Protein backbone atom coordinates (compact mmCIF):
# COMPACT_ATOMS: atom_id res chain seq x y z
CA ARG A 1 183.61 267.70 48.48
CA GLN A 2 184.15 264.61 46.40
CA ALA A 3 181.55 265.73 43.83
CA GLY A 4 183.45 269.02 43.58
CA GLN A 5 186.64 267.15 42.77
CA TRP A 6 184.91 265.12 40.08
CA GLY A 7 183.31 268.27 38.69
CA ALA A 8 186.66 270.01 38.47
CA ARG A 9 188.26 266.98 36.84
CA ALA A 10 185.35 266.63 34.40
CA ALA A 11 185.67 270.28 33.46
CA GLU A 12 189.35 269.67 32.73
CA GLY A 13 188.48 266.54 30.76
CA VAL A 14 190.55 264.26 33.00
CA GLY A 15 187.89 262.13 34.70
CA ALA A 16 185.00 262.57 32.31
CA SER A 17 185.30 259.08 30.86
CA ARG A 18 185.62 257.34 34.25
CA CYS A 19 182.69 258.94 36.07
CA PRO A 20 179.60 259.72 34.00
CA MET A 21 177.73 260.88 37.10
CA ALA A 22 180.12 263.78 37.60
CA LEU A 23 178.71 267.28 37.51
CA ALA A 24 180.72 269.92 35.80
CA GLU A 25 180.94 273.13 37.72
CA GLY A 26 177.92 275.25 36.94
CA ALA A 27 175.84 272.40 35.45
CA ALA A 28 172.16 273.31 35.45
CA VAL A 29 170.71 269.81 35.81
CA PRO A 30 172.06 266.58 37.26
CA TYR A 31 173.18 263.83 34.92
CA ALA A 32 170.28 261.53 35.84
CA VAL A 33 167.72 264.19 34.84
CA GLU A 34 169.58 264.92 31.62
CA LEU A 35 169.70 261.21 30.78
CA GLY A 36 165.99 260.78 31.53
CA LEU A 37 165.01 263.73 29.34
CA THR A 38 167.28 262.53 26.55
CA VAL A 39 165.72 259.06 26.64
CA LEU A 40 162.22 260.60 26.68
CA HIS A 41 162.95 262.87 23.71
CA THR A 42 164.58 260.04 21.76
CA ALA A 43 161.57 257.80 22.34
CA LEU A 44 159.09 260.53 21.37
CA TYR A 45 160.96 261.42 18.19
CA ALA A 46 161.28 257.73 17.29
CA ALA A 47 157.52 257.27 17.83
CA LEU A 48 156.83 260.28 15.62
CA PHE A 49 159.13 258.84 12.97
CA LEU A 50 157.33 255.48 13.06
CA PHE A 51 153.92 257.19 12.90
CA ALA A 52 154.86 259.27 9.85
CA TYR A 53 156.48 256.23 8.20
CA LEU A 54 153.33 254.16 8.77
CA GLN A 55 151.11 256.94 7.42
CA LEU A 56 153.20 257.22 4.27
CA TRP A 57 152.95 253.47 3.71
CA LEU A 58 149.19 253.61 4.23
CA LEU A 59 148.91 256.39 1.65
CA LEU A 60 150.87 254.23 -0.78
CA TYR A 61 148.80 251.13 0.03
CA TYR A 62 145.44 252.86 -0.46
CA ARG A 63 146.69 254.49 -3.69
CA GLU A 64 146.18 258.07 -2.58
CA ARG A 65 147.72 260.90 -4.56
CA ARG A 66 151.46 260.68 -4.20
CA LEU A 67 152.13 264.39 -4.58
CA SER A 68 149.80 266.21 -2.22
CA TYR A 69 149.99 268.47 0.80
CA HIS A 70 149.41 265.47 3.05
CA THR A 71 152.28 263.41 1.68
CA LEU A 72 154.68 266.35 1.57
CA CYS A 73 153.88 267.27 5.17
CA LEU A 74 154.33 263.65 6.29
CA PHE A 75 157.61 263.37 4.39
CA LEU A 76 158.97 266.56 5.99
CA CYS A 77 157.85 265.27 9.39
CA LEU A 78 159.57 261.95 8.71
CA LEU A 79 162.86 263.64 7.81
CA TRP A 80 162.67 265.99 10.80
CA ALA A 81 161.91 263.17 13.24
CA ALA A 82 164.72 261.04 11.78
CA LEU A 83 167.27 263.81 12.23
CA ARG A 84 166.12 264.60 15.77
CA THR A 85 166.14 260.91 16.73
CA THR A 86 169.68 260.60 15.38
CA LEU A 87 170.83 263.67 17.31
CA PHE A 88 169.32 262.55 20.60
CA SER A 89 170.70 259.03 20.17
CA PHE A 90 174.13 260.65 19.88
CA TYR A 91 173.38 262.49 23.11
CA LEU A 92 172.75 259.11 24.76
CA GLN A 93 176.21 257.84 23.84
CA ASN A 94 178.32 260.93 24.45
CA SER A 95 176.73 264.32 24.94
CA LEU A 96 180.00 266.26 24.85
CA GLN A 97 180.96 264.80 21.49
CA ALA A 98 177.46 265.44 20.14
CA LEU A 99 177.73 269.09 21.18
CA ARG A 100 181.12 269.53 19.52
CA LEU A 101 180.85 267.90 16.11
CA GLN A 102 184.03 268.38 14.13
CA GLN A 103 182.60 267.92 10.64
CA PRO A 104 180.71 270.96 9.33
CA PHE A 105 178.30 268.85 7.26
CA ALA A 106 177.35 266.70 10.25
CA HIS A 107 176.79 269.82 12.35
CA TRP A 108 174.65 271.38 9.63
CA LEU A 109 172.71 268.15 9.11
CA LEU A 110 171.88 267.55 12.78
CA TYR A 111 171.52 271.12 14.04
CA CYS A 112 170.55 273.40 11.12
CA LEU A 113 168.56 271.23 8.70
CA PRO A 114 165.76 270.40 11.20
CA GLY A 115 165.05 274.12 11.54
CA CYS A 116 164.92 274.47 7.76
CA LEU A 117 162.53 271.50 7.59
CA LEU A 118 160.26 273.09 10.19
CA PHE A 119 160.24 276.33 8.22
CA SER A 120 159.43 274.41 5.04
CA SER A 121 156.53 272.62 6.70
CA LEU A 122 155.23 275.95 8.03
CA CYS A 123 155.40 277.40 4.51
CA LEU A 124 153.60 274.32 3.19
CA LEU A 125 150.83 274.72 5.77
CA ASN A 126 150.50 278.43 4.91
CA LEU A 127 150.26 277.57 1.23
CA TYR A 128 147.56 274.99 1.95
CA PHE A 129 145.61 277.47 4.10
CA ALA A 130 145.87 280.13 1.39
CA GLU A 131 144.60 277.70 -1.23
CA VAL A 132 141.65 276.68 0.92
CA SER A 133 140.86 280.31 1.74
CA PHE A 134 140.99 281.43 -1.89
CA GLU A 135 138.91 278.47 -2.93
CA ALA A 136 136.27 279.36 -0.34
CA ARG A 137 136.23 282.98 -1.54
CA GLY A 138 136.05 281.97 -5.20
CA LEU A 139 133.01 281.23 -7.29
CA CYS A 140 132.12 278.25 -5.12
CA PRO A 141 132.45 275.34 -7.55
CA GLU A 142 130.01 272.54 -6.81
CA SER A 143 132.69 269.90 -7.29
CA SER A 144 134.77 271.11 -4.37
CA PRO A 145 133.88 269.49 -1.02
CA ARG A 146 136.00 272.04 0.88
CA SER A 147 133.89 274.93 -0.42
CA ARG A 148 130.69 273.16 0.60
CA LEU A 149 132.12 272.47 4.04
CA TRP A 150 133.23 276.08 4.45
CA ASP A 151 129.81 277.40 3.43
CA SER A 152 127.96 274.90 5.62
CA LEU A 153 129.96 276.11 8.61
CA GLY A 154 128.87 279.66 7.87
CA GLY A 155 132.14 281.02 6.55
CA MET A 156 132.25 283.72 3.88
CA GLN A 157 128.50 284.13 3.69
CA GLY A 158 127.24 285.96 0.67
CA LEU A 159 130.36 285.54 -1.47
CA CYS A 160 128.95 282.65 -3.45
CA PRO A 161 126.91 283.82 -6.48
CA GLU A 162 124.23 281.20 -5.80
CA SER A 163 123.70 282.53 -2.26
CA LYS A 164 121.71 285.48 -3.56
CA LEU A 165 119.01 283.16 -4.90
CA GLY A 166 115.80 282.33 -3.14
CA GLU A 167 113.95 285.23 -1.46
CA GLY A 168 116.89 286.71 0.42
CA ARG A 169 117.75 283.52 2.31
CA HIS A 170 121.26 282.13 2.12
CA ARG A 171 121.50 278.87 0.23
CA ASP A 172 124.83 277.14 0.32
CA CYS A 173 126.41 275.57 -2.72
CA ALA A 174 125.60 272.07 -1.51
CA LEU A 175 121.87 272.74 -2.06
CA ASN A 176 122.50 274.00 -5.60
CA ALA A 177 124.72 270.99 -6.28
CA GLY A 178 121.72 268.74 -5.75
CA LEU A 179 122.64 267.32 -2.35
CA GLY A 180 119.26 268.43 -1.03
CA ARG A 181 120.17 269.99 2.27
CA SER A 182 120.37 273.57 3.36
CA THR A 183 122.05 275.06 6.39
CA GLY A 184 119.25 277.53 6.96
CA ILE A 185 121.68 280.42 7.51
CA VAL A 186 120.05 283.78 7.05
CA PRO A 187 122.45 286.59 6.14
């Protein structure tokens, strides 16, 4: 009965600040479970943020290309993880205030922008996949390691102009590039 009183007072907003363990009427999960899940999500998002941050620094340290699919994907992941970590850290302090943000920009930044970032990273991955697929279907340039890998795995057999050479047997582009190995795939 006492939990019911606290739940009714928390729903009215009277005792919410005095008793954080109070359950509002109709709450789906207890406060301890909600707190545990919030701490877990905050820690996971913070770990993802640190991982992406470290990877970006390693790319800078080893002087990799600064504008590539890898760096863009890591940067989007870094922004997404930072926003989610910020949101869940707000949930740790006061979940009701985090749910009802008064400023429209803060609401958009913490709730809407992460979805846009996920959509952008999905578009970036689709663009990368399309580029790799078109490159594998192209004229199979010897300078491209992705085309050699795709052909050595048996993908798109017979699309490379050099594959029609040599008594009907399939020769991948790596053999014609002078690497001296053949996959032995017969079409």
